[in-house]
């Protein structure tokens, strides 16, 4: 992306990357009557041959038992086959296209199964209009060392959006929502693209807030390497140079369009 200097060019390129079909054909994965994800047919056949609670139907794969134990069986098989990402012992919600919950599954299994994840992001502003951003830790499984929004993370199975935003704001920036000014929704973002472990489908709820003038973000969970506070011009330059994650770049570009420098 470093060759793209025009803002229209790099932003258009980001939007194309955020809406990509799978690299290989995938078929719907169903739990009960709900479509909850997708898998590659070869993986489906291997799962059936391994005796997992899965069966082939017309152009889809049906999980045979409508409970979390069946989902856990799929997740553990993926781990044993080396097909899952880093195991986290963290359950994420399993939802359909309308957002209705149908169960929970280990985080490491969501990409191989094409299950939608739900994220929150907080765009942090300094009172003078600059943007607070974080650098992801260099041992992160995804996008290590790249820059990100001030706060971003996935919703766990036992959470809703407000609870996730409160938890992630403390874990990543050491801040409580009650400390922030002008907290407001900033919209939504959806990403669909191939990743190393499978297919990423993510829906993000976006927020913006102003940090008190003397506030200094302080990471609590070891997943952030550091923070910076950038004016709009410097932020645009770094977005165009590809130093931010795809999701953060789209979110911050949206925030720049909505707010601009103050």
C-alpha atoms as a PDB file:
ATOM      1  CA  UNK A   1       0.000   0.000   0.000  1.00  0.00           C
ATOM      2  CA  UNK A   2       3.033   2.253   0.321  1.00  0.00           C
ATOM      3  CA  UNK A   3       2.722   3.224  -3.351  1.00  0.00           C
ATOM      4  CA  UNK A   4      -0.762   4.635  -2.818  1.00  0.00           C
ATOM      5  CA  UNK A   5      -0.423   8.293  -1.942  1.00  0.00           C
ATOM      6  CA  UNK A   6      -3.847   9.590  -2.898  1.00  0.00           C
ATOM      7  CA  UNK A   7      -6.322   9.200  -0.034  1.00  0.00           C
ATOM      8  CA  UNK A   8      -9.040   7.992  -2.387  1.00  0.00           C
ATOM      9  CA  UNK A   9      -6.696   5.271  -3.661  1.00  0.00           C
ATOM     10  CA  UNK A  10      -5.589   3.804  -0.340  1.00  0.00           C
ATOM     11  CA  UNK A  11      -9.027   4.012   1.196  1.00  0.00           C
ATOM     12  CA  UNK A  12     -10.588   2.310  -1.832  1.00  0.00           C
ATOM     13  CA  UNK A  13      -7.934  -0.410  -1.621  1.00  0.00           C
ATOM     14  CA  UNK A  14      -8.747  -0.977   2.053  1.00  0.00           C
ATOM     15  CA  UNK A  15     -12.448  -1.299   1.306  1.00  0.00           C
ATOM     16  CA  UNK A  16     -11.733  -3.890  -1.378  1.00  0.00           C
ATOM     17  CA  UNK A  17      -9.595  -5.908   1.070  1.00  0.00           C
ATOM     18  CA  UNK A  18     -12.405  -5.782   3.637  1.00  0.00           C
ATOM     19  CA  UNK A  19     -14.932  -7.459   1.320  1.00  0.00           C
ATOM     20  CA  UNK A  20     -13.234 -10.501  -0.191  1.00  0.00           C
ATOM     21  CA  UNK A  21     -14.741 -13.920  -0.960  1.00  0.00           C
ATOM     22  CA  UNK A  22     -13.114 -17.088   0.409  1.00  0.00           C
ATOM     23  CA  UNK A  23     -10.032 -18.379  -1.395  1.00  0.00           C
ATOM     24  CA  UNK A  24     -11.724 -21.767  -1.849  1.00  0.00           C
ATOM     25  CA  UNK A  25     -15.409 -22.727  -2.058  1.00  0.00           C
ATOM     26  CA  UNK A  26     -17.241 -22.996   1.260  1.00  0.00           C
ATOM     27  CA  UNK A  27     -20.686 -24.314   2.123  1.00  0.00           C
ATOM     28  CA  UNK A  28     -23.074 -23.197   4.884  1.00  0.00           C
ATOM     29  CA  UNK A  29     -22.695 -24.615   8.384  1.00  0.00           C
ATOM     30  CA  UNK A  30     -26.015 -25.008  10.213  1.00  0.00           C
ATOM     31  CA  UNK A  31     -26.988 -25.476  13.837  1.00  0.00           C
ATOM     32  CA  UNK A  32     -30.648 -26.399  14.108  1.00  0.00           C
ATOM     33  CA  UNK A  33     -32.395 -24.268  11.474  1.00  0.00           C
ATOM     34  CA  UNK A  34     -29.847 -21.433  11.732  1.00  0.00           C
ATOM     35  CA  UNK A  35     -26.917 -20.816   9.425  1.00  0.00           C
ATOM     36  CA  UNK A  36     -24.028 -20.005  11.756  1.00  0.00           C
ATOM     37  CA  UNK A  37     -20.957 -20.190   9.529  1.00  0.00           C
ATOM     38  CA  UNK A  38     -19.339 -21.989   6.600  1.00  0.00           C
ATOM     39  CA  UNK A  39     -16.755 -24.682   5.976  1.00  0.00           C
ATOM     40  CA  UNK A  40     -14.814 -26.079   3.069  1.00  0.00           C
ATOM     41  CA  UNK A  41     -16.425 -29.307   1.786  1.00  0.00           C
ATOM     42  CA  UNK A  42     -13.206 -31.298   2.213  1.00  0.00           C
ATOM     43  CA  UNK A  43     -13.043 -30.299   5.867  1.00  0.00           C
ATOM     44  CA  UNK A  44     -16.684 -31.284   6.289  1.00  0.00           C
ATOM     45  CA  UNK A  45     -16.023 -34.738   4.861  1.00  0.00           C
ATOM     46  CA  UNK A  46     -13.010 -35.208   7.142  1.00  0.00           C
ATOM     47  CA  UNK A  47     -15.110 -34.255  10.159  1.00  0.00           C
ATOM     48  CA  UNK A  48     -17.823 -36.744   9.223  1.00  0.00           C
ATOM     49  CA  UNK A  49     -15.238 -39.486   8.692  1.00  0.00           C
ATOM     50  CA  UNK A  50     -13.793 -38.702  12.139  1.00  0.00           C
ATOM     51  CA  UNK A  51     -17.201 -39.381  13.712  1.00  0.00           C
ATOM     52  CA  UNK A  52     -17.930 -35.791  14.697  1.00  0.00           C
ATOM     53  CA  UNK A  53     -21.558 -34.639  15.210  1.00  0.00           C
ATOM     54  CA  UNK A  54     -21.868 -33.376  11.636  1.00  0.00           C
ATOM     55  CA  UNK A  55     -23.668 -34.611   8.537  1.00  0.00           C
ATOM     56  CA  UNK A  56     -23.920 -33.507   4.933  1.00  0.00           C
ATOM     57  CA  UNK A  57     -27.198 -32.135   3.619  1.00  0.00           C
ATOM     58  CA  UNK A  58     -28.095 -30.480   0.317  1.00  0.00           C
ATOM     59  CA  UNK A  59     -25.282 -27.957  -0.232  1.00  0.00           C
ATOM     60  CA  UNK A  60     -24.747 -27.505   3.513  1.00  0.00           C
ATOM     61  CA  UNK A  61     -23.356 -29.153   6.655  1.00  0.00           C
ATOM     62  CA  UNK A  62     -25.636 -29.789   9.608  1.00  0.00           C
ATOM     63  CA  UNK A  63     -24.372 -30.030  13.179  1.00  0.00           C
ATOM     64  CA  UNK A  64     -26.272 -33.044  14.485  1.00  0.00           C
ATOM     65  CA  UNK A  65     -26.749 -31.946  18.079  1.00  0.00           C
ATOM     66  CA  UNK A  66     -28.029 -28.503  19.042  1.00  0.00           C
ATOM     67  CA  UNK A  67     -25.828 -27.893  22.080  1.00  0.00           C
ATOM     68  CA  UNK A  68     -22.458 -26.437  23.001  1.00  0.00           C
ATOM     69  CA  UNK A  69     -20.929 -29.891  23.470  1.00  0.00           C
ATOM     70  CA  UNK A  70     -21.224 -30.551  19.742  1.00  0.00           C
ATOM     71  CA  UNK A  71     -19.556 -27.212  18.998  1.00  0.00           C
ATOM     72  CA  UNK A  72     -16.788 -28.106  21.467  1.00  0.00           C
ATOM     73  CA  UNK A  73     -16.237 -31.416  19.657  1.00  0.00           C
ATOM     74  CA  UNK A  74     -15.673 -29.554  16.380  1.00  0.00           C
ATOM     75  CA  UNK A  75     -13.313 -27.090  18.060  1.00  0.00           C
ATOM     76  CA  UNK A  76     -11.195 -29.779  19.720  1.00  0.00           C
ATOM     77  CA  UNK A  77     -10.905 -31.717  16.458  1.00  0.00           C
ATOM     78  CA  UNK A  78      -9.691 -28.557  14.689  1.00  0.00           C
ATOM     79  CA  UNK A  79      -7.098 -28.057  17.422  1.00  0.00           C
ATOM     80  CA  UNK A  80      -5.923 -31.673  17.247  1.00  0.00           C
ATOM     81  CA  UNK A  81      -5.574 -31.420  13.472  1.00  0.00           C
ATOM     82  CA  UNK A  82      -3.550 -28.199  13.711  1.00  0.00           C
ATOM     83  CA  UNK A  83      -6.293 -26.282  11.921  1.00  0.00           C
ATOM     84  CA  UNK A  84      -7.278 -23.881  14.701  1.00  0.00           C
ATOM     85  CA  UNK A  85      -5.547 -20.686  15.748  1.00  0.00           C
ATOM     86  CA  UNK A  86      -3.957 -20.200  19.171  1.00  0.00           C
ATOM     87  CA  UNK A  87      -6.169 -21.905  21.781  1.00  0.00           C
ATOM     88  CA  UNK A  88      -7.510 -19.322  24.247  1.00  0.00           C
ATOM     89  CA  UNK A  89      -9.984 -21.178  26.503  1.00  0.00           C
ATOM     90  CA  UNK A  90     -12.314 -18.291  25.656  1.00  0.00           C
ATOM     91  CA  UNK A  91     -15.870 -18.833  24.459  1.00  0.00           C
ATOM     92  CA  UNK A  92     -17.358 -16.560  21.803  1.00  0.00           C
ATOM     93  CA  UNK A  93     -21.049 -16.343  20.885  1.00  0.00           C
ATOM     94  CA  UNK A  94     -22.336 -18.321  17.908  1.00  0.00           C
ATOM     95  CA  UNK A  95     -24.905 -16.231  16.051  1.00  0.00           C
ATOM     96  CA  UNK A  96     -26.913 -16.228  12.852  1.00  0.00           C
ATOM     97  CA  UNK A  97     -27.043 -13.405  10.299  1.00  0.00           C
ATOM     98  CA  UNK A  98     -29.606 -11.543  12.397  1.00  0.00           C
ATOM     99  CA  UNK A  99     -27.397 -11.659  15.484  1.00  0.00           C
ATOM    100  CA  UNK A 100     -29.527 -14.229  17.324  1.00  0.00           C
ATOM    101  CA  UNK A 101     -27.394 -16.372  19.624  1.00  0.00           C
ATOM    102  CA  UNK A 102     -27.428 -20.156  19.227  1.00  0.00           C
ATOM    103  CA  UNK A 103     -24.506 -21.272  21.383  1.00  0.00           C
ATOM    104  CA  UNK A 104     -20.866 -20.646  22.229  1.00  0.00           C
ATOM    105  CA  UNK A 105     -17.569 -21.964  20.874  1.00  0.00           C
ATOM    106  CA  UNK A 106     -13.840 -21.698  21.585  1.00  0.00           C
ATOM    107  CA  UNK A 107     -12.339 -18.588  19.994  1.00  0.00           C
ATOM    108  CA  UNK A 108      -9.659 -20.603  18.162  1.00  0.00           C
ATOM    109  CA  UNK A 109     -12.332 -22.349  16.052  1.00  0.00           C
ATOM    110  CA  UNK A 110     -14.296 -19.418  14.668  1.00  0.00           C
ATOM    111  CA  UNK A 111     -12.225 -18.693  11.544  1.00  0.00           C
ATOM    112  CA  UNK A 112     -12.001 -22.308  10.274  1.00  0.00           C
ATOM    113  CA  UNK A 113     -15.789 -22.554  10.711  1.00  0.00           C
ATOM    114  CA  UNK A 114     -16.533 -19.112   9.232  1.00  0.00           C
ATOM    115  CA  UNK A 115     -18.431 -18.113  12.386  1.00  0.00           C
ATOM    116  CA  UNK A 116     -19.169 -14.401  12.765  1.00  0.00           C
ATOM    117  CA  UNK A 117     -17.285 -12.605  15.530  1.00  0.00           C
ATOM    118  CA  UNK A 118     -18.536  -9.429  17.184  1.00  0.00           C
ATOM    119  CA  UNK A 119     -16.046  -6.702  18.079  1.00  0.00           C
ATOM    120  CA  UNK A 120     -16.025  -3.282  19.689  1.00  0.00           C
ATOM    121  CA  UNK A 121     -13.643  -0.420  18.860  1.00  0.00           C
ATOM    122  CA  UNK A 122     -13.148   2.877  20.656  1.00  0.00           C
ATOM    123  CA  UNK A 123     -11.679   5.850  18.815  1.00  0.00           C
ATOM    124  CA  UNK A 124     -10.004   7.984  21.469  1.00  0.00           C
ATOM    125  CA  UNK A 125      -9.591  11.725  20.981  1.00  0.00           C
ATOM    126  CA  UNK A 126      -7.467  14.210  22.891  1.00  0.00           C
ATOM    127  CA  UNK A 127      -9.341  17.412  23.830  1.00  0.00           C
ATOM    128  CA  UNK A 128      -7.212  19.261  21.237  1.00  0.00           C
ATOM    129  CA  UNK A 129      -8.528  16.951  18.486  1.00  0.00           C
ATOM    130  CA  UNK A 130      -5.636  14.526  18.148  1.00  0.00           C
ATOM    131  CA  UNK A 131      -6.230  10.768  17.990  1.00  0.00           C
ATOM    132  CA  UNK A 132      -5.011   8.291  20.576  1.00  0.00           C
ATOM    133  CA  UNK A 133      -3.833   5.023  18.977  1.00  0.00           C
ATOM    134  CA  UNK A 134      -2.128   1.871  20.240  1.00  0.00           C
ATOM    135  CA  UNK A 135       0.581  -0.390  18.867  1.00  0.00           C
ATOM    136  CA  UNK A 136      -0.289  -4.063  19.118  1.00  0.00           C
ATOM    137  CA  UNK A 137       2.102  -6.263  21.083  1.00  0.00           C
ATOM    138  CA  UNK A 138       4.727  -8.018  18.975  1.00  0.00           C
ATOM    139  CA  UNK A 139       3.652 -11.454  20.230  1.00  0.00           C
ATOM    140  CA  UNK A 140       0.006 -11.066  19.139  1.00  0.00           C
ATOM    141  CA  UNK A 141      -1.217 -13.925  16.963  1.00  0.00           C
ATOM    142  CA  UNK A 142      -2.821 -11.486  14.517  1.00  0.00           C
ATOM    143  CA  UNK A 143      -1.183  -8.340  13.110  1.00  0.00           C
ATOM    144  CA  UNK A 144       1.691  -8.190  15.637  1.00  0.00           C
ATOM    145  CA  UNK A 145       3.312  -4.767  15.878  1.00  0.00           C
ATOM    146  CA  UNK A 146       0.776  -2.985  13.718  1.00  0.00           C
ATOM    147  CA  UNK A 147      -1.087   0.064  14.990  1.00  0.00           C
ATOM    148  CA  UNK A 148      -4.719  -0.027  16.041  1.00  0.00           C
ATOM    149  CA  UNK A 149      -7.547   2.049  17.453  1.00  0.00           C
ATOM    150  CA  UNK A 150      -7.147   3.047  21.095  1.00  0.00           C
ATOM    151  CA  UNK A 151      -9.319   0.066  22.123  1.00  0.00           C
ATOM    152  CA  UNK A 152     -10.499  -2.949  20.178  1.00  0.00           C
ATOM    153  CA  UNK A 153     -11.563  -6.463  21.085  1.00  0.00           C
ATOM    154  CA  UNK A 154     -14.000  -9.321  20.670  1.00  0.00           C
ATOM    155  CA  UNK A 155     -17.229  -9.859  22.570  1.00  0.00           C
ATOM    156  CA  UNK A 156     -17.220 -12.980  24.750  1.00  0.00           C
ATOM    157  CA  UNK A 157     -20.126 -15.394  24.990  1.00  0.00           C
ATOM    158  CA  UNK A 158     -21.362 -13.972  28.303  1.00  0.00           C
ATOM    159  CA  UNK A 159     -21.219 -10.310  27.239  1.00  0.00           C
ATOM    160  CA  UNK A 160     -23.168  -7.689  25.325  1.00  0.00           C
ATOM    161  CA  UNK A 161     -21.672  -4.686  23.514  1.00  0.00           C
ATOM    162  CA  UNK A 162     -21.640  -2.268  26.518  1.00  0.00           C
ATOM    163  CA  UNK A 163     -20.001  -4.849  28.779  1.00  0.00           C
ATOM    164  CA  UNK A 164     -17.375  -5.661  26.145  1.00  0.00           C
ATOM    165  CA  UNK A 165     -16.602  -1.986  25.623  1.00  0.00           C
ATOM    166  CA  UNK A 166     -16.178  -1.433  29.370  1.00  0.00           C
ATOM    167  CA  UNK A 167     -13.914  -4.491  29.787  1.00  0.00           C
ATOM    168  CA  UNK A 168     -11.752  -3.837  26.735  1.00  0.00           C
ATOM    169  CA  UNK A 169     -11.320  -0.145  27.593  1.00  0.00           C
ATOM    170  CA  UNK A 170      -9.912  -1.119  30.984  1.00  0.00           C
ATOM    171  CA  UNK A 171      -7.795  -4.069  29.781  1.00  0.00           C
ATOM    172  CA  UNK A 172      -6.240  -2.289  26.829  1.00  0.00           C
ATOM    173  CA  UNK A 173      -6.047   1.335  27.996  1.00  0.00           C
ATOM    174  CA  UNK A 174      -6.513   1.247  31.781  1.00  0.00           C
ATOM    175  CA  UNK A 175      -9.508   3.584  31.537  1.00  0.00           C
ATOM    176  CA  UNK A 176     -13.080   3.397  32.790  1.00  0.00           C
ATOM    177  CA  UNK A 177     -15.895   4.618  30.560  1.00  0.00           C
ATOM    178  CA  UNK A 178     -17.048   6.945  33.356  1.00  0.00           C
ATOM    179  CA  UNK A 179     -13.735   8.806  33.006  1.00  0.00           C
ATOM    180  CA  UNK A 180     -14.341   9.617  29.347  1.00  0.00           C
ATOM    181  CA  UNK A 181     -16.147  12.595  27.852  1.00  0.00           C
ATOM    182  CA  UNK A 182     -18.550  12.705  24.908  1.00  0.00           C
ATOM    183  CA  UNK A 183     -18.825   8.928  24.544  1.00  0.00           C
ATOM    184  CA  UNK A 184     -21.015   8.229  21.536  1.00  0.00           C
ATOM    185  CA  UNK A 185     -21.620   5.593  18.827  1.00  0.00           C
ATOM    186  CA  UNK A 186     -19.653   6.036  15.617  1.00  0.00           C
ATOM    187  CA  UNK A 187     -21.388   3.418  13.471  1.00  0.00           C
ATOM    188  CA  UNK A 188     -20.650  -0.151  12.448  1.00  0.00           C
ATOM    189  CA  UNK A 189     -18.148  -2.004  10.291  1.00  0.00           C
ATOM    190  CA  UNK A 190     -18.306  -5.434   8.676  1.00  0.00           C
ATOM    191  CA  UNK A 191     -15.275  -7.346   7.434  1.00  0.00           C
ATOM    192  CA  UNK A 192     -15.379 -10.449   5.240  1.00  0.00           C
ATOM    193  CA  UNK A 193     -12.009 -11.763   4.065  1.00  0.00           C
ATOM    194  CA  UNK A 194      -9.810 -14.868   3.920  1.00  0.00           C
ATOM    195  CA  UNK A 195      -7.309 -15.343   6.767  1.00  0.00           C
ATOM    196  CA  UNK A 196      -4.682 -18.004   7.394  1.00  0.00           C
ATOM    197  CA  UNK A 197      -7.026 -20.115   9.557  1.00  0.00           C
ATOM    198  CA  UNK A 198     -10.059 -19.893   7.261  1.00  0.00           C
ATOM    199  CA  UNK A 199     -12.569 -17.137   6.660  1.00  0.00           C
ATOM    200  CA  UNK A 200     -13.076 -14.025   8.772  1.00  0.00           C
ATOM    201  CA  UNK A 201     -16.558 -12.592   9.183  1.00  0.00           C
ATOM    202  CA  UNK A 202     -16.604  -9.814  11.757  1.00  0.00           C
ATOM    203  CA  UNK A 203     -19.142  -7.187  12.769  1.00  0.00           C
ATOM    204  CA  UNK A 204     -17.782  -4.290  14.803  1.00  0.00           C
ATOM    205  CA  UNK A 205     -19.639  -1.702  16.867  1.00  0.00           C
ATOM    206  CA  UNK A 206     -17.735   1.596  16.814  1.00  0.00           C
ATOM    207  CA  UNK A 207     -17.562   4.289  19.486  1.00  0.00           C
ATOM    208  CA  UNK A 208     -15.733   7.543  20.045  1.00  0.00           C
ATOM    209  CA  UNK A 209     -14.840   9.406  23.225  1.00  0.00           C
ATOM    210  CA  UNK A 210     -12.618  12.242  24.407  1.00  0.00           C
ATOM    211  CA  UNK A 211      -9.990  11.454  27.033  1.00  0.00           C
ATOM    212  CA  UNK A 212      -9.378  13.996  29.805  1.00  0.00           C
ATOM    213  CA  UNK A 213      -6.433  16.256  29.001  1.00  0.00           C
ATOM    214  CA  UNK A 214      -4.142  14.627  31.589  1.00  0.00           C
ATOM    215  CA  UNK A 215      -5.214  11.051  30.878  1.00  0.00           C
ATOM    216  CA  UNK A 216      -2.462   8.656  29.822  1.00  0.00           C
ATOM    217  CA  UNK A 217      -3.596   5.243  28.521  1.00  0.00           C
ATOM    218  CA  UNK A 218      -1.900   2.393  30.370  1.00  0.00           C
ATOM    219  CA  UNK A 219      -2.225  -1.178  29.128  1.00  0.00           C
ATOM    220  CA  UNK A 220      -3.320  -3.798  31.684  1.00  0.00           C
ATOM    221  CA  UNK A 221      -3.265  -7.117  29.807  1.00  0.00           C
ATOM    222  CA  UNK A 222       0.118  -7.176  28.050  1.00  0.00           C
ATOM    223  CA  UNK A 223      -1.410  -7.008  24.569  1.00  0.00           C
ATOM    224  CA  UNK A 224      -0.322  -3.441  23.743  1.00  0.00           C
ATOM    225  CA  UNK A 225       3.275  -2.365  23.034  1.00  0.00           C
ATOM    226  CA  UNK A 226       2.625   1.355  23.431  1.00  0.00           C
ATOM    227  CA  UNK A 227       0.447   4.362  22.660  1.00  0.00           C
ATOM    228  CA  UNK A 228       0.744   7.500  20.539  1.00  0.00           C
ATOM    229  CA  UNK A 229      -1.314  10.648  20.069  1.00  0.00           C
ATOM    230  CA  UNK A 230      -1.406  11.826  16.439  1.00  0.00           C
ATOM    231  CA  UNK A 231      -2.866  14.853  14.716  1.00  0.00           C
ATOM    232  CA  UNK A 232      -5.064  14.287  11.673  1.00  0.00           C
ATOM    233  CA  UNK A 233      -2.277  14.870   9.144  1.00  0.00           C
ATOM    234  CA  UNK A 234       0.117  12.429  10.807  1.00  0.00           C
ATOM    235  CA  UNK A 235      -2.653   9.866  11.198  1.00  0.00           C
ATOM    236  CA  UNK A 236      -3.594  10.045   7.511  1.00  0.00           C
ATOM    237  CA  UNK A 237       0.054   9.549   6.541  1.00  0.00           C
ATOM    238  CA  UNK A 238       0.376   6.451   8.715  1.00  0.00           C
ATOM    239  CA  UNK A 239      -2.926   5.026   7.481  1.00  0.00           C
ATOM    240  CA  UNK A 240      -1.785   5.452   3.886  1.00  0.00           C
ATOM    241  CA  UNK A 241       1.571   3.796   4.633  1.00  0.00           C
ATOM    242  CA  UNK A 242      -0.073   0.568   5.834  1.00  0.00           C
ATOM    243  CA  UNK A 243       1.120   0.786   9.452  1.00  0.00           C
ATOM    244  CA  UNK A 244      -2.383   0.091  10.849  1.00  0.00           C
ATOM    245  CA  UNK A 245      -4.478  -3.063  10.839  1.00  0.00           C
ATOM    246  CA  UNK A 246      -7.084  -3.224   8.109  1.00  0.00           C
ATOM    247  CA  UNK A 247      -9.956  -2.813  10.555  1.00  0.00           C
ATOM    248  CA  UNK A 248      -8.344   0.081  12.432  1.00  0.00           C
ATOM    249  CA  UNK A 249      -7.461   1.884   9.208  1.00  0.00           C
ATOM    250  CA  UNK A 250     -11.061   1.744   8.002  1.00  0.00           C
ATOM    251  CA  UNK A 251     -12.415   2.834  11.388  1.00  0.00           C
ATOM    252  CA  UNK A 252      -9.995   5.736  11.763  1.00  0.00           C
ATOM    253  CA  UNK A 253     -10.549   6.861   8.180  1.00  0.00           C
ATOM    254  CA  UNK A 254     -14.269   6.902   8.970  1.00  0.00           C
ATOM    255  CA  UNK A 255     -13.594   8.912  12.137  1.00  0.00           C
ATOM    256  CA  UNK A 256     -11.542  11.418  10.145  1.00  0.00           C
ATOM    257  CA  UNK A 257     -14.383  11.803   7.664  1.00  0.00           C
ATOM    258  CA  UNK A 258     -16.912  12.260  10.471  1.00  0.00           C
ATOM    259  CA  UNK A 259     -14.861  14.639  12.612  1.00  0.00           C
ATOM    260  CA  UNK A 260     -11.818  16.020  10.917  1.00  0.00           C
ATOM    261  CA  UNK A 261      -9.272  17.984  12.961  1.00  0.00           C
ATOM    262  CA  UNK A 262     -10.630  20.120  15.786  1.00  0.00           C
END
